[in-house]
Amino acid sequence: MAELNIPHILVVDDDKRILELIKNYLNNNNFRVTIAENTEVAREKLENLEFDLLIVDIMMPGENGLEFTKSLKKTNLNNPIILLSALGTANDRINGLEIGADDYLPKPFEPKELLLRIKNLLTRNKTNKTKIKFVKFGPFKFNLKKEILIKENSRIILTPSESKILQILAKNNNEPIYREDLSKILKIPLSSRALDVQITRLRHKIEKNKKFPIYLQTVRGRGYVLKID
């Protein structure tokens, strides 16, 4: 199997022993593994590498695993996340799942159990990606992978920024995304009017009346939402 086709896992834990244990075990089971000793290093890895799944310890100094997971989900990260914790309380598990984690494993754990959970999540995530290829809103159909917008069999030309905005909003499944988060993803200064300009231009292409938008709506005090069918 080519290395690029091997699932790539990011493991975030301040315990070097745990990092090496997980890395060696997963390497031996045909996974690529990148490790990070804190969330700052993990963010650098996420900016430069592609991952299929994240394993994140909750109890870390500085930004903990729950805070890290919550911030990642706000940026529309779709990768499955497994949380690890030595506490193992019901509240930890519930809190983790509420903020968007996909699974939870208390320490100590059997490596084989972690492996099975990883395989189950990757299979489920692959199935979801296969099913969701495009979204519809009104007369429009947007291909999420190719970032192509079609209206009644005619392609609507979008700029790269417009395509990215539409993709982010479409993947958020009728849920608003904060202006701050959208600006951060697009690397647009929040203090500037650049994001508002991009939104206005996109509305020109998909709305009959940009002053009273039907699809790309403003949510007061939060940001924007795309109303998909």
Foldseek 3Di string as FASTA:
>chain_A
DDLVPAAEEEEEALDVVVQVVLCVVVVVVRHHYDYHNHVVVVVVCVVPDDHQEYEAEQDDPDHGRLNSLLLCVLLVDPHAYEYEYQVPDPVVQVSSVVSPHDYYDYPPDDSVVVVVVVVVRSVVSVVVCVVPQWFADDQWIAGLPVLWIDGPNHTDDDDPLLSVVVNSQVSVPQDFRFPVSSCVSVVHDPPDCVVVVSLLVSCVRPAPDSVDRDAWDADPPGGTHGDTD
